[in-house]
């Protein structure tokens, strides 16, 4: 029934991937973000970084050199690297001259600031330039960063996760930033590195669980490995990293926050940390190595037939080449996970037809910023061609995209699912956090020789509108048919309404899909590259074609179209069925 690539048994990750029926998924901790008291405490902690007392804690001996240099297991972005050779720092459409950028208070976006302070640009530069050419550029930017932040603890430059990323970057690309004959500059950089490691020892656990906390503790471990006399620090960092992994990775290997891009980020950091161990000819602790093994199958689970990521939780569809390179560097050879129960994604792959469904509540507000109200959305592809997608990119959109539109990419309407009462299934607050809405998803999945079936329902509209949304999707074993039904079922708990709420079921289409609606308003023909035809038909309401938007792997928006089924929810409930059929 499945057409997943065969597993050759080289790595012991072919554990049971059974189908768990009747699973009830509850959003642990409810829909609340940080309390007012927690926000005040967090603010005071960051203010405390700048006090003389914290400065005293950062004092100590600083190294004269690093023990060795680690290899970076990943290539950077060549286009960004070439731009840097020309004197410009770039990220997703945002461009700033490196020589004139104010390091103390850079007027840049949040994402660009993280790219700058985390020194991710070193990877890009090293990809396109030999040391002789790249070192003067890297040293100039590093000198100015040290002048602004080396002696002054500040936010965001000294944020724990950025210090962790910075240490990993510095130890992997030391030839670019430590080749100078200027002993004062070298001493200041190494002194700042030592102070940053001491800062991390005291603040790493304050980073949010997920990639941020993993980055912070990875930095502590890397410093312990590369700064002379760091055995105690390394042991302390390994214990902290194991705690961070326990709080950041679900039982089936998914990262908290439910973002595939976050999953990839965490995996890349751990693989980079392993390279730091290798530089010292040491083995990474087995428990940390096990986390690498655990992260790969769920990551592959949300990849399409083109091997690239799906558009989930604000992420962009990073290319299959990127995913292949990371998977290869991890050394883990495994199948995609068909059912990431704790992480919340369901995957069906039958004869070239591949469907991924979000079957869990959104991430807990206190665990992630920028989460999406995407419950019960799905994406569909046929071989290398994506058919149904989500708009995606809420956290990775090009800087030229208006902020209001980028926020709109997080809404329920920007995902291929049902929208009721023109509202989100989970509220999105003005400050970007998620509010009330979906708290539980009921899930049942079954497999037979003829069909793979997923049935799920969520309570996101019960409190406000008194209706439960249930979605059933069945994929035929030959991959030619994808049948679905969306139902609105009275829950008896919502407020009575004078008028029935309107609903809209949206199927956002990939940009390369050409759509032609039929005259009866009940169907459409979808033409894919290679003259592949799929038919769409619905029953219970009419379908129309509207404009849509899709964010690509580089964060750039592309105009596309969507199929929209619209109607009104009847007092006794409503059901709409739909069908995708591969014609040829």
Protein backbone atom coordinates (compact mmCIF):
# COMPACT_ATOMS: atom_id res chain seq x y z
CA UNK A 1 0.00 0.00 0.00
CA UNK A 2 2.78 2.43 0.84
CA UNK A 3 5.40 3.62 -1.65
CA UNK A 4 7.93 4.96 0.84
CA UNK A 5 11.56 4.28 -0.13
CA UNK A 6 12.85 0.94 1.18
CA UNK A 7 14.87 0.83 4.37
CA UNK A 8 18.14 -1.06 4.14
CA UNK A 9 18.66 -1.60 7.86
CA UNK A 10 21.97 0.32 8.10
CA UNK A 11 20.79 2.29 11.13
CA UNK A 12 18.67 1.01 13.98
CA UNK A 13 15.78 3.40 13.46
CA UNK A 14 13.28 1.06 11.86
CA UNK A 15 11.23 0.78 15.00
CA UNK A 16 7.53 0.17 15.15
CA UNK A 17 5.59 2.81 13.31
CA UNK A 18 2.15 1.43 13.96
CA UNK A 19 -1.11 3.27 13.41
CA UNK A 20 -2.60 4.43 16.70
CA UNK A 21 -6.37 4.75 16.49
CA UNK A 22 -8.58 6.79 18.78
CA UNK A 23 -5.75 8.95 20.08
CA UNK A 24 -6.87 12.04 21.99
CA UNK A 25 -4.39 14.88 21.72
CA UNK A 26 -4.64 17.60 24.36
CA UNK A 27 -2.70 20.84 24.28
CA UNK A 28 -0.77 20.55 27.55
CA UNK A 29 -0.92 23.74 29.57
CA UNK A 30 -3.99 25.11 27.85
CA UNK A 31 -4.02 28.17 25.61
CA UNK A 32 -2.25 30.58 27.93
CA UNK A 33 1.08 32.22 27.21
CA UNK A 34 3.38 33.59 29.86
CA UNK A 35 1.56 35.08 32.82
CA UNK A 36 2.09 38.72 33.76
CA UNK A 37 4.27 37.64 36.67
CA UNK A 38 6.36 35.43 34.38
CA UNK A 39 6.77 38.25 31.86
CA UNK A 40 7.89 40.63 34.61
CA UNK A 41 10.31 38.02 35.95
CA UNK A 42 11.73 37.44 32.49
CA UNK A 43 12.16 41.17 31.98
CA UNK A 44 13.99 41.56 35.30
CA UNK A 45 16.26 38.64 34.46
CA UNK A 46 17.31 40.33 31.23
CA UNK A 47 17.83 43.63 33.00
CA UNK A 48 19.98 41.80 35.54
CA UNK A 49 22.38 40.85 32.75
CA UNK A 50 23.48 44.48 32.61
CA UNK A 51 24.19 44.87 36.32
CA UNK A 52 27.74 45.00 37.76
CA UNK A 53 26.97 41.83 39.75
CA UNK A 54 26.35 39.82 36.58
CA UNK A 55 29.47 41.36 35.09
CA UNK A 56 31.51 40.14 38.03
CA UNK A 57 30.23 36.60 37.47
CA UNK A 58 31.61 36.71 33.93
CA UNK A 59 35.17 37.45 35.03
CA UNK A 60 37.83 34.80 34.84
CA UNK A 61 40.77 33.55 32.84
CA UNK A 62 40.46 33.76 29.12
CA UNK A 63 42.14 31.43 26.64
CA UNK A 64 45.14 32.31 24.50
CA UNK A 65 43.87 30.04 21.73
CA UNK A 66 41.31 27.37 20.95
CA UNK A 67 42.29 23.73 21.35
CA UNK A 68 41.42 22.96 17.72
CA UNK A 69 39.01 23.91 14.93
CA UNK A 70 35.84 21.99 14.13
CA UNK A 71 34.55 21.24 10.66
CA UNK A 72 31.21 22.69 9.62
CA UNK A 73 29.21 19.75 8.24
CA UNK A 74 26.93 22.02 6.20
CA UNK A 75 27.32 24.34 3.23
CA UNK A 76 26.01 27.87 3.47
CA UNK A 77 23.93 29.90 1.05
CA UNK A 78 26.14 30.70 -1.94
CA UNK A 79 24.09 33.72 -3.03
CA UNK A 80 24.35 35.30 0.42
CA UNK A 81 28.05 34.48 0.47
CA UNK A 82 28.68 36.17 -2.88
CA UNK A 83 26.74 39.23 -1.73
CA UNK A 84 28.95 39.40 1.35
CA UNK A 85 32.04 39.30 -0.87
CA UNK A 86 30.57 42.40 -2.50
CA UNK A 87 30.12 44.01 0.92
CA UNK A 88 26.43 43.36 1.56
CA UNK A 89 24.76 41.28 4.24
CA UNK A 90 21.52 39.81 2.89
CA UNK A 91 18.64 37.70 4.19
CA UNK A 92 15.28 37.03 2.50
CA UNK A 93 15.20 40.23 0.49
CA UNK A 94 16.71 42.41 3.22
CA UNK A 95 20.06 44.00 2.30
CA UNK A 96 22.46 46.07 4.41
CA UNK A 97 25.99 47.30 3.61
CA UNK A 98 28.28 45.44 5.99
CA UNK A 99 30.75 48.31 6.33
CA UNK A 100 28.20 50.87 7.54
CA UNK A 101 25.80 48.68 9.55
CA UNK A 102 25.38 50.04 13.07
CA UNK A 103 26.26 47.03 15.20
CA UNK A 104 25.12 48.65 18.45
CA UNK A 105 21.58 49.35 17.24
CA UNK A 106 21.15 47.85 13.78
CA UNK A 107 17.98 49.02 12.04
CA UNK A 108 17.12 45.56 10.80
CA UNK A 109 14.30 43.02 11.10
CA UNK A 110 14.11 40.50 13.93
CA UNK A 111 15.18 37.67 11.61
CA UNK A 112 18.09 39.67 10.22
CA UNK A 113 19.28 40.55 13.72
CA UNK A 114 19.38 36.85 14.61
CA UNK A 115 21.31 36.13 11.41
CA UNK A 116 23.79 38.89 12.26
CA UNK A 117 24.29 38.22 15.98
CA UNK A 118 24.33 34.45 15.56
CA UNK A 119 27.14 34.74 12.98
CA UNK A 120 25.29 32.42 10.59
CA UNK A 121 26.76 34.52 7.78
CA UNK A 122 30.18 32.92 8.45
CA UNK A 123 28.88 29.68 6.92
CA UNK A 124 27.75 31.55 3.80
CA UNK A 125 31.09 33.32 3.44
CA UNK A 126 33.15 30.18 3.92
CA UNK A 127 31.13 28.43 1.21
CA UNK A 128 32.22 30.85 -1.53
CA UNK A 129 35.59 32.21 -0.39
CA UNK A 130 38.97 30.75 0.61
CA UNK A 131 40.41 31.95 3.90
CA UNK A 132 42.68 34.55 2.30
CA UNK A 133 39.72 36.20 0.62
CA UNK A 134 37.10 35.73 3.31
CA UNK A 135 39.10 36.47 6.47
CA UNK A 136 39.42 40.26 5.98
CA UNK A 137 35.65 40.54 5.51
CA UNK A 138 34.82 38.30 8.47
CA UNK A 139 37.36 40.03 10.73
CA UNK A 140 36.04 43.49 9.90
CA UNK A 141 32.46 42.56 10.82
CA UNK A 142 33.63 40.70 13.94
CA UNK A 143 35.79 43.64 15.08
CA UNK A 144 32.85 46.00 14.88
CA UNK A 145 30.56 43.50 16.62
CA UNK A 146 33.10 43.14 19.45
CA UNK A 147 33.38 46.91 19.76
CA UNK A 148 29.62 47.17 20.20
CA UNK A 149 28.89 44.05 22.26
CA UNK A 150 32.11 42.44 23.49
CA UNK A 151 32.23 44.31 26.81
CA UNK A 152 28.54 45.13 27.15
CA UNK A 153 25.92 42.52 27.93
CA UNK A 154 22.87 43.49 25.88
CA UNK A 155 19.70 42.13 24.38
CA UNK A 156 19.38 40.56 21.84
CA UNK A 157 23.11 40.13 21.18
CA UNK A 158 23.66 38.26 24.45
CA UNK A 159 20.46 36.25 24.28
CA UNK A 160 21.32 32.67 25.33
CA UNK A 161 20.32 30.98 22.08
CA UNK A 162 22.27 33.50 20.00
CA UNK A 163 25.35 33.01 22.17
CA UNK A 164 25.05 29.27 21.64
CA UNK A 165 24.78 29.68 17.87
CA UNK A 166 27.65 32.17 17.90
CA UNK A 167 29.98 29.80 19.74
CA UNK A 168 29.20 26.97 17.31
CA UNK A 169 29.89 29.35 14.40
CA UNK A 170 33.11 30.71 15.91
CA UNK A 171 34.65 27.31 16.64
CA UNK A 172 33.73 26.00 13.16
CA UNK A 173 34.96 29.07 11.27
CA UNK A 174 37.84 30.14 13.49
CA UNK A 175 40.21 30.44 10.48
CA UNK A 176 38.02 33.26 9.14
CA UNK A 177 37.96 35.28 12.38
CA UNK A 178 41.18 34.26 14.19
CA UNK A 179 43.79 34.43 11.44
CA UNK A 180 44.69 38.04 12.20
CA UNK A 181 48.17 38.99 13.40
CA UNK A 182 46.54 41.69 15.55
CA UNK A 183 47.07 40.23 19.00
CA UNK A 184 44.76 42.77 20.67
CA UNK A 185 41.86 41.78 18.41
CA UNK A 186 42.52 38.04 18.90
CA UNK A 187 42.71 38.47 22.66
CA UNK A 188 39.46 40.42 22.78
CA UNK A 189 37.63 37.83 20.71
CA UNK A 190 38.82 34.95 22.89
CA UNK A 191 38.10 36.93 26.04
CA UNK A 192 34.54 37.62 24.80
CA UNK A 193 34.13 33.93 23.95
CA UNK A 194 35.06 32.95 27.51
CA UNK A 195 32.70 35.56 28.99
CA UNK A 196 29.93 34.36 26.69
CA UNK A 197 30.43 30.78 27.88
CA UNK A 198 30.12 31.88 31.52
CA UNK A 199 27.00 33.88 30.62
CA UNK A 200 25.49 30.80 28.98
CA UNK A 201 26.17 28.61 32.01
CA UNK A 202 23.87 30.92 34.00
CA UNK A 203 21.20 31.65 31.38
CA UNK A 204 20.84 28.66 29.02
CA UNK A 205 17.85 27.24 30.89
CA UNK A 206 16.06 30.59 30.49
CA UNK A 207 15.84 30.08 26.72
CA UNK A 208 12.46 28.76 25.50
CA UNK A 209 12.29 24.97 25.07
CA UNK A 210 12.97 23.82 21.55
CA UNK A 211 15.70 24.96 19.17
CA UNK A 212 16.54 28.01 21.31
CA UNK A 213 17.36 26.02 24.45
CA UNK A 214 19.14 23.34 22.45
CA UNK A 215 21.28 26.06 20.85
CA UNK A 216 22.14 27.61 24.21
CA UNK A 217 23.28 24.38 25.83
CA UNK A 218 25.08 23.26 22.67
CA UNK A 219 27.11 26.43 22.99
CA UNK A 220 28.09 25.54 26.56
CA UNK A 221 29.24 22.08 25.43
CA UNK A 222 31.16 23.47 22.44
CA UNK A 223 32.93 25.98 24.68
CA UNK A 224 33.84 23.19 27.07
CA UNK A 225 35.30 21.20 24.18
CA UNK A 226 37.27 24.02 22.56
CA UNK A 227 38.45 26.26 25.42
CA UNK A 228 41.42 24.78 27.31
CA UNK A 229 40.57 23.40 30.74
CA UNK A 230 36.92 22.93 29.86
CA UNK A 231 36.24 19.40 31.09
CA UNK A 232 34.04 20.55 33.97
CA UNK A 233 32.16 22.94 31.69
CA UNK A 234 31.67 20.20 29.12
CA UNK A 235 30.18 17.83 31.72
CA UNK A 236 27.94 20.60 33.03
CA UNK A 237 26.86 21.46 29.47
CA UNK A 238 26.13 17.86 28.57
CA UNK A 239 23.84 17.52 31.58
CA UNK A 240 22.07 20.75 30.64
CA UNK A 241 21.74 19.71 27.01
CA UNK A 242 20.16 16.40 28.00
CA UNK A 243 17.62 18.30 30.12
CA UNK A 244 16.95 20.65 27.20
CA UNK A 245 16.40 17.74 24.82
CA UNK A 246 13.97 16.19 27.28
CA UNK A 247 11.91 19.39 27.36
CA UNK A 248 12.21 20.06 23.62
CA UNK A 249 11.57 16.77 21.82
CA UNK A 250 8.32 14.80 21.94
CA UNK A 251 8.20 11.05 22.46
CA UNK A 252 8.14 10.43 18.70
CA UNK A 253 11.00 12.81 17.91
CA UNK A 254 9.12 16.01 17.02
CA UNK A 255 10.30 19.38 18.25
CA UNK A 256 8.04 21.45 20.50
CA UNK A 257 6.55 24.30 18.51
CA UNK A 258 5.62 21.77 15.81
CA UNK A 259 7.66 23.62 13.15
CA UNK A 260 9.44 21.50 10.52
CA UNK A 261 11.93 24.35 10.09
CA UNK A 262 12.54 24.24 13.84
CA UNK A 263 12.99 20.46 13.57
CA UNK A 264 15.61 20.99 10.88
CA UNK A 265 17.31 23.71 12.94
CA UNK A 266 17.60 21.50 16.02
CA UNK A 267 18.95 18.61 13.97
CA UNK A 268 21.58 20.78 12.28
CA UNK A 269 22.79 22.15 15.62
CA UNK A 270 23.26 18.70 17.10
CA UNK A 271 25.08 17.48 14.00
CA UNK A 272 27.34 20.56 14.15
CA UNK A 273 27.98 19.85 17.83
CA UNK A 274 28.94 16.28 16.93
CA UNK A 275 31.54 17.70 14.55
CA UNK A 276 32.96 19.65 17.49
CA UNK A 277 33.36 16.40 19.43
CA UNK A 278 34.98 14.82 16.37
CA UNK A 279 37.50 17.65 16.18
CA UNK A 280 38.61 16.65 19.68
CA UNK A 281 38.53 12.96 18.68
CA UNK A 282 35.85 12.34 21.25
CA UNK A 283 32.55 10.49 20.94
CA UNK A 284 29.35 12.41 21.50
CA UNK A 285 27.43 10.98 24.49
CA UNK A 286 25.07 8.23 23.36
CA UNK A 287 21.99 10.01 24.70
CA UNK A 288 22.70 13.10 22.59
CA UNK A 289 23.49 10.94 19.56
CA UNK A 290 20.13 9.23 20.11
CA UNK A 291 18.39 12.60 19.80
CA UNK A 292 19.86 13.00 16.30
CA UNK A 293 18.50 9.58 15.36
CA UNK A 294 15.13 10.51 16.84
CA UNK A 295 14.79 13.83 14.97
CA UNK A 296 15.18 12.52 11.42
CA UNK A 297 12.05 10.35 10.82
CA UNK A 298 9.54 13.09 11.83
CA UNK A 299 11.41 15.59 9.66
CA UNK A 300 11.09 13.29 6.65
CA UNK A 301 7.42 12.77 7.51
CA UNK A 302 6.53 16.35 6.51
CA UNK A 303 8.46 16.23 3.22
CA UNK A 304 6.68 15.96 -0.13
CA UNK A 305 7.41 13.92 -3.23
CA UNK A 306 9.90 16.60 -4.28
CA UNK A 307 11.71 15.82 -0.97
CA UNK A 308 11.18 19.40 0.26
CA UNK A 309 9.44 20.48 3.45
CA UNK A 310 5.76 21.24 3.66
CA UNK A 311 4.52 24.67 4.73
CA UNK A 312 3.65 24.23 8.41
CA UNK A 313 3.76 26.48 11.48
CA UNK A 314 5.12 29.52 9.67
CA UNK A 315 7.86 27.65 7.85
CA UNK A 316 8.73 27.67 4.18
CA UNK A 317 9.07 24.70 1.78
CA UNK A 318 12.86 24.33 1.98
CA UNK A 319 14.24 22.38 -0.96
CA UNK A 320 14.75 18.65 -1.15
CA UNK A 321 18.48 19.19 -1.73
CA UNK A 322 18.69 20.98 1.63
CA UNK A 323 16.85 18.19 3.42
CA UNK A 324 18.94 15.51 1.69
CA UNK A 325 22.17 17.24 2.71
CA UNK A 326 21.14 17.48 6.36
CA UNK A 327 19.88 13.89 6.46
CA UNK A 328 23.14 12.70 4.90
CA UNK A 329 25.22 14.69 7.40
CA UNK A 330 23.21 13.18 10.26
CA UNK A 331 24.23 9.68 9.18
CA UNK A 332 20.70 8.45 9.88
CA UNK A 333 19.08 6.30 7.20
CA UNK A 334 15.42 5.69 7.87
CA UNK A 335 11.91 5.89 6.52
CA UNK A 336 9.65 8.89 7.08
CA UNK A 337 7.45 8.45 10.13
CA UNK A 338 3.90 7.70 8.98
CA UNK A 339 2.30 8.91 12.18
CA UNK A 340 4.10 11.44 14.37
CA UNK A 341 1.54 11.08 17.14
CA UNK A 342 3.07 13.41 19.71
CA UNK A 343 4.27 15.93 17.13
CA UNK A 344 0.87 15.94 15.49
CA UNK A 345 1.36 15.15 11.78
CA UNK A 346 -0.17 12.26 9.82
CA UNK A 347 1.41 11.04 6.57
CA UNK A 348 -0.11 8.84 3.86
CA UNK A 349 1.92 7.80 0.80
CA UNK A 350 0.22 5.53 -1.74
CA UNK A 351 1.59 4.96 -5.23
CA UNK A 352 3.11 8.42 -5.69
CA UNK A 353 0.26 10.30 -4.01
CA UNK A 354 1.37 11.81 -0.72
CA UNK A 355 -0.77 13.56 1.89
CA UNK A 356 0.34 15.22 5.13
CA UNK A 357 -2.27 16.39 7.66
CA UNK A 358 -2.04 18.56 10.77
CA UNK A 359 -3.90 16.45 13.33
CA UNK A 360 -3.06 18.20 16.60
CA UNK A 361 -3.74 21.45 18.44
CA UNK A 362 -1.44 24.41 17.70
CA UNK A 363 1.75 24.73 19.75
CA UNK A 364 1.40 25.99 23.30
CA UNK A 365 1.69 29.78 23.37
CA UNK A 366 4.40 29.83 26.02
CA UNK A 367 6.53 27.43 23.95
CA UNK A 368 6.62 29.32 20.67
CA UNK A 369 5.93 32.66 19.05
CA UNK A 370 4.48 32.73 15.58
CA UNK A 371 2.40 29.55 15.72
CA UNK A 372 -0.38 29.01 13.18
CA UNK A 373 -4.09 28.20 13.47
CA UNK A 374 -3.82 25.30 11.03
CA UNK A 375 -5.58 22.41 12.76
CA UNK A 376 -6.90 19.75 10.30
CA UNK A 377 -5.23 21.41 7.28
CA UNK A 378 -3.54 19.11 4.77
CA UNK A 379 -1.11 19.23 1.87
CA UNK A 380 -1.18 16.92 -1.14
CA UNK A 381 1.35 16.07 -3.84
CA UNK A 382 1.62 13.73 -6.82
CA UNK A 383 5.20 12.60 -7.29
CA UNK A 384 7.37 15.74 -7.51
CA UNK A 385 4.34 17.98 -8.08
CA UNK A 386 2.61 19.70 -5.19
CA UNK A 387 -1.14 20.09 -5.62
CA UNK A 388 -2.74 21.33 -2.38
CA UNK A 389 -0.55 23.47 -0.13
CA UNK A 390 -0.73 25.94 2.72
CA UNK A 391 0.32 29.54 2.12
CA UNK A 392 3.16 29.14 4.65
CA UNK A 393 5.99 31.50 5.45
CA UNK A 394 4.53 33.39 8.39
CA UNK A 395 7.94 33.35 10.10
CA UNK A 396 10.12 33.17 6.98
CA UNK A 397 8.49 35.54 4.50
CA UNK A 398 10.58 37.91 2.42
CA UNK A 399 11.23 41.24 4.15
CA UNK A 400 9.46 43.01 1.29
CA UNK A 401 6.16 41.39 2.27
CA UNK A 402 4.04 43.81 4.36
CA UNK A 403 4.00 42.79 8.06
CA UNK A 404 0.20 42.62 8.10
CA UNK A 405 0.22 40.17 5.21
CA UNK A 406 2.95 38.11 6.86
CA UNK A 407 0.75 37.89 9.97
CA UNK A 408 -2.15 36.85 7.77
CA UNK A 409 -0.17 33.82 6.66
CA UNK A 410 -0.67 32.40 10.17
CA UNK A 411 -4.47 32.44 10.00
CA UNK A 412 -6.76 29.47 9.44
CA UNK A 413 -7.79 30.94 6.08
CA UNK A 414 -4.16 30.70 4.89
CA UNK A 415 -4.30 26.92 5.33
CA UNK A 416 -6.14 24.21 3.43
CA UNK A 417 -8.90 23.55 5.90
CA UNK A 418 -12.35 24.79 6.95
CA UNK A 419 -12.92 28.31 8.30
CA UNK A 420 -16.09 28.96 10.27
CA UNK A 421 -17.63 32.37 10.89
CA UNK A 422 -14.68 34.05 9.13
CA UNK A 423 -12.60 33.42 12.26
CA UNK A 424 -9.52 31.45 13.23
CA UNK A 425 -9.89 28.04 14.83
CA UNK A 426 -7.37 29.30 17.40
CA UNK A 427 -7.19 33.02 18.13
CA UNK A 428 -4.09 34.96 17.09
CA UNK A 429 -3.46 37.92 19.39
CA UNK A 430 -2.15 41.31 18.32
CA UNK A 431 1.22 40.56 19.96
CA UNK A 432 1.58 37.44 17.83
CA UNK A 433 0.81 34.85 20.50
CA UNK A 434 -1.91 32.23 20.17
CA UNK A 435 -5.01 32.51 22.30
CA UNK A 436 -8.13 30.46 22.93
CA UNK A 437 -9.38 27.92 20.46
CA UNK A 438 -8.40 24.32 19.78
CA UNK A 439 -7.60 22.48 23.00
CA UNK A 440 -8.11 18.89 21.86
CA UNK A 441 -8.16 16.84 18.68
CA UNK A 442 -9.89 13.47 18.44
CA UNK A 443 -8.02 11.26 15.97
CA UNK A 444 -8.67 7.84 14.47
CA UNK A 445 -6.64 6.28 11.68
CA UNK A 446 -7.03 2.98 9.92
CA UNK A 447 -5.32 1.05 7.14
CA UNK A 448 -6.71 -1.62 4.84
CA UNK A 449 -5.76 -3.16 1.51
CA UNK A 450 -8.04 -0.67 -0.25
CA UNK A 451 -7.65 2.62 1.58
CA UNK A 452 -5.76 4.67 4.18
CA UNK A 453 -8.23 6.63 6.28
CA UNK A 454 -7.82 9.52 8.75
CA UNK A 455 -10.71 10.92 10.78
CA UNK A 456 -10.09 13.86 13.10
CA UNK A 457 -12.11 16.56 14.82
CA UNK A 458 -11.27 19.67 16.82
CA UNK A 459 -13.11 21.89 19.31
CA UNK A 460 -11.79 25.26 18.16
CA UNK A 461 -15.24 26.62 17.27
CA UNK A 462 -17.24 24.99 20.06
CA UNK A 463 -16.98 27.78 22.62
CA UNK A 464 -17.79 30.60 20.20
CA UNK A 465 -20.06 28.97 17.64
CA UNK A 466 -21.23 25.71 19.19
CA UNK A 467 -19.90 23.52 16.38
CA UNK A 468 -17.23 20.84 16.14
CA UNK A 469 -15.27 20.55 12.90
CA UNK A 470 -14.70 16.96 11.80
CA UNK A 471 -12.62 16.09 8.74
CA UNK A 472 -12.35 12.64 7.18
CA UNK A 473 -9.81 11.89 4.43
CA UNK A 474 -9.37 8.57 2.63
CA UNK A 475 -6.55 7.89 0.15
CA UNK A 476 -7.03 4.92 -2.15
CA UNK A 477 -4.32 2.27 -2.22
CA UNK A 478 -3.63 3.02 -5.91
CA UNK A 479 -3.14 6.72 -5.11
CA UNK A 480 -5.66 7.85 -7.72
CA UNK A 481 -8.40 8.97 -5.34
CA UNK A 482 -8.39 11.26 -2.34
CA UNK A 483 -11.88 11.53 -0.86
CA UNK A 484 -12.77 13.88 1.95
CA UNK A 485 -15.66 15.09 4.03
CA UNK A 486 -15.88 18.15 6.25
CA UNK A 487 -18.67 18.15 8.82
CA UNK A 488 -19.89 20.73 11.32
CA UNK A 489 -21.53 18.99 14.25
CA UNK A 490 -23.55 20.78 16.98
CA UNK A 491 -21.73 20.51 20.29
CA UNK A 492 -24.41 22.03 22.50
CA UNK A 493 -21.96 24.25 24.36
CA UNK A 494 -21.72 27.35 22.22
CA UNK A 495 -23.73 30.53 22.33
CA UNK A 496 -27.01 30.49 20.38
CA UNK A 497 -26.77 32.49 17.16
CA UNK A 498 -29.47 34.47 15.39
CA UNK A 499 -28.07 33.54 11.99
CA UNK A 500 -26.20 30.41 10.94
CA UNK A 501 -22.46 31.05 10.58
CA UNK A 502 -20.91 30.92 7.13
CA UNK A 503 -18.16 28.43 6.38
CA UNK A 504 -15.46 28.27 3.74
CA UNK A 505 -13.39 25.18 2.93
CA UNK A 506 -10.15 26.27 1.24
CA UNK A 507 -7.76 24.25 -0.89
CA UNK A 508 -4.77 26.45 -1.72
CA UNK A 509 -3.10 25.27 -4.91
CA UNK A 510 0.61 25.17 -5.72
CA UNK A 511 1.70 27.85 -8.21
CA UNK A 512 2.41 25.38 -11.01
CA UNK A 513 -1.17 24.03 -10.91
CA UNK A 514 -3.48 25.37 -13.64
CA UNK A 515 -7.13 25.27 -12.60
CA UNK A 516 -10.23 25.38 -14.81
CA UNK A 517 -13.65 25.45 -13.06
CA UNK A 518 -16.56 23.64 -14.66
CA UNK A 519 -19.73 25.42 -15.72
CA UNK A 520 -21.91 23.75 -13.08
CA UNK A 521 -19.90 25.28 -10.20
CA UNK A 522 -19.37 21.87 -8.62
CA UNK A 523 -16.00 20.82 -10.02
CA UNK A 524 -12.66 21.88 -11.49
CA UNK A 525 -9.87 20.39 -13.58
CA UNK A 526 -6.31 20.72 -12.29
CA UNK A 527 -3.44 20.51 -14.76
CA UNK A 528 0.01 19.72 -13.35
CA UNK A 529 3.39 19.90 -15.11
CA UNK A 530 3.86 17.01 -17.51
CA UNK A 531 0.21 17.28 -18.59
CA UNK A 532 -0.93 15.36 -15.51
CA UNK A 533 -4.63 15.92 -14.85
CA UNK A 534 -6.51 15.76 -11.58
CA UNK A 535 -10.24 16.33 -11.23
CA UNK A 536 -11.87 17.97 -8.23
CA UNK A 537 -15.56 17.67 -7.39
CA UNK A 538 -17.63 18.57 -4.34
CA UNK A 539 -21.12 17.80 -3.04
CA UNK A 540 -23.14 19.84 -0.57
CA UNK A 541 -22.06 23.33 -1.72
CA UNK A 542 -20.61 25.10 -4.73
CA UNK A 543 -16.93 25.64 -5.46
CA UNK A 544 -15.26 28.78 -6.81
CA UNK A 545 -11.72 29.76 -7.77
CA UNK A 546 -10.10 32.67 -5.92
CA UNK A 547 -6.68 34.27 -5.75
CA UNK A 548 -4.16 33.01 -3.21
CA UNK A 549 -0.51 33.35 -2.22
CA UNK A 550 2.30 30.85 -1.66
CA UNK A 551 5.66 31.53 0.02
CA UNK A 552 8.60 29.64 -1.50
CA UNK A 553 11.70 28.27 0.21
CA UNK A 554 13.48 31.62 -0.07
CA UNK A 555 10.58 33.46 1.55
CA UNK A 556 9.37 35.01 -1.71
CA UNK A 557 5.61 35.29 -2.38
CA UNK A 558 4.10 33.77 -5.51
CA UNK A 559 0.57 34.43 -6.74
CA UNK A 560 -1.51 31.30 -7.04
CA UNK A 561 -5.15 30.20 -6.79
CA UNK A 562 -7.38 28.35 -4.38
CA UNK A 563 -10.54 26.29 -4.58
CA UNK A 564 -13.13 27.57 -2.12
CA UNK A 565 -16.31 25.76 -1.08
CA UNK A 566 -18.70 28.14 0.69
CA UNK A 567 -22.02 27.79 2.47
CA UNK A 568 -23.88 28.27 5.74
CA UNK A 569 -23.88 25.88 8.67
CA UNK A 570 -27.35 24.50 9.26
CA UNK A 571 -28.65 24.40 12.86
CA UNK A 572 -28.61 20.63 12.89
CA UNK A 573 -25.16 20.35 11.34
CA UNK A 574 -23.66 20.42 7.88
CA UNK A 575 -21.63 18.02 5.78
CA UNK A 576 -19.71 18.68 2.56
CA UNK A 577 -17.91 15.95 0.64
CA UNK A 578 -15.14 16.46 -1.91
CA UNK A 579 -12.98 14.33 -4.15
CA UNK A 580 -9.62 14.61 -5.90
CA UNK A 581 -9.13 12.08 -8.72
CA UNK A 582 -6.06 11.56 -10.86
CA UNK A 583 -7.41 11.36 -14.42
CA UNK A 584 -4.09 10.75 -16.14
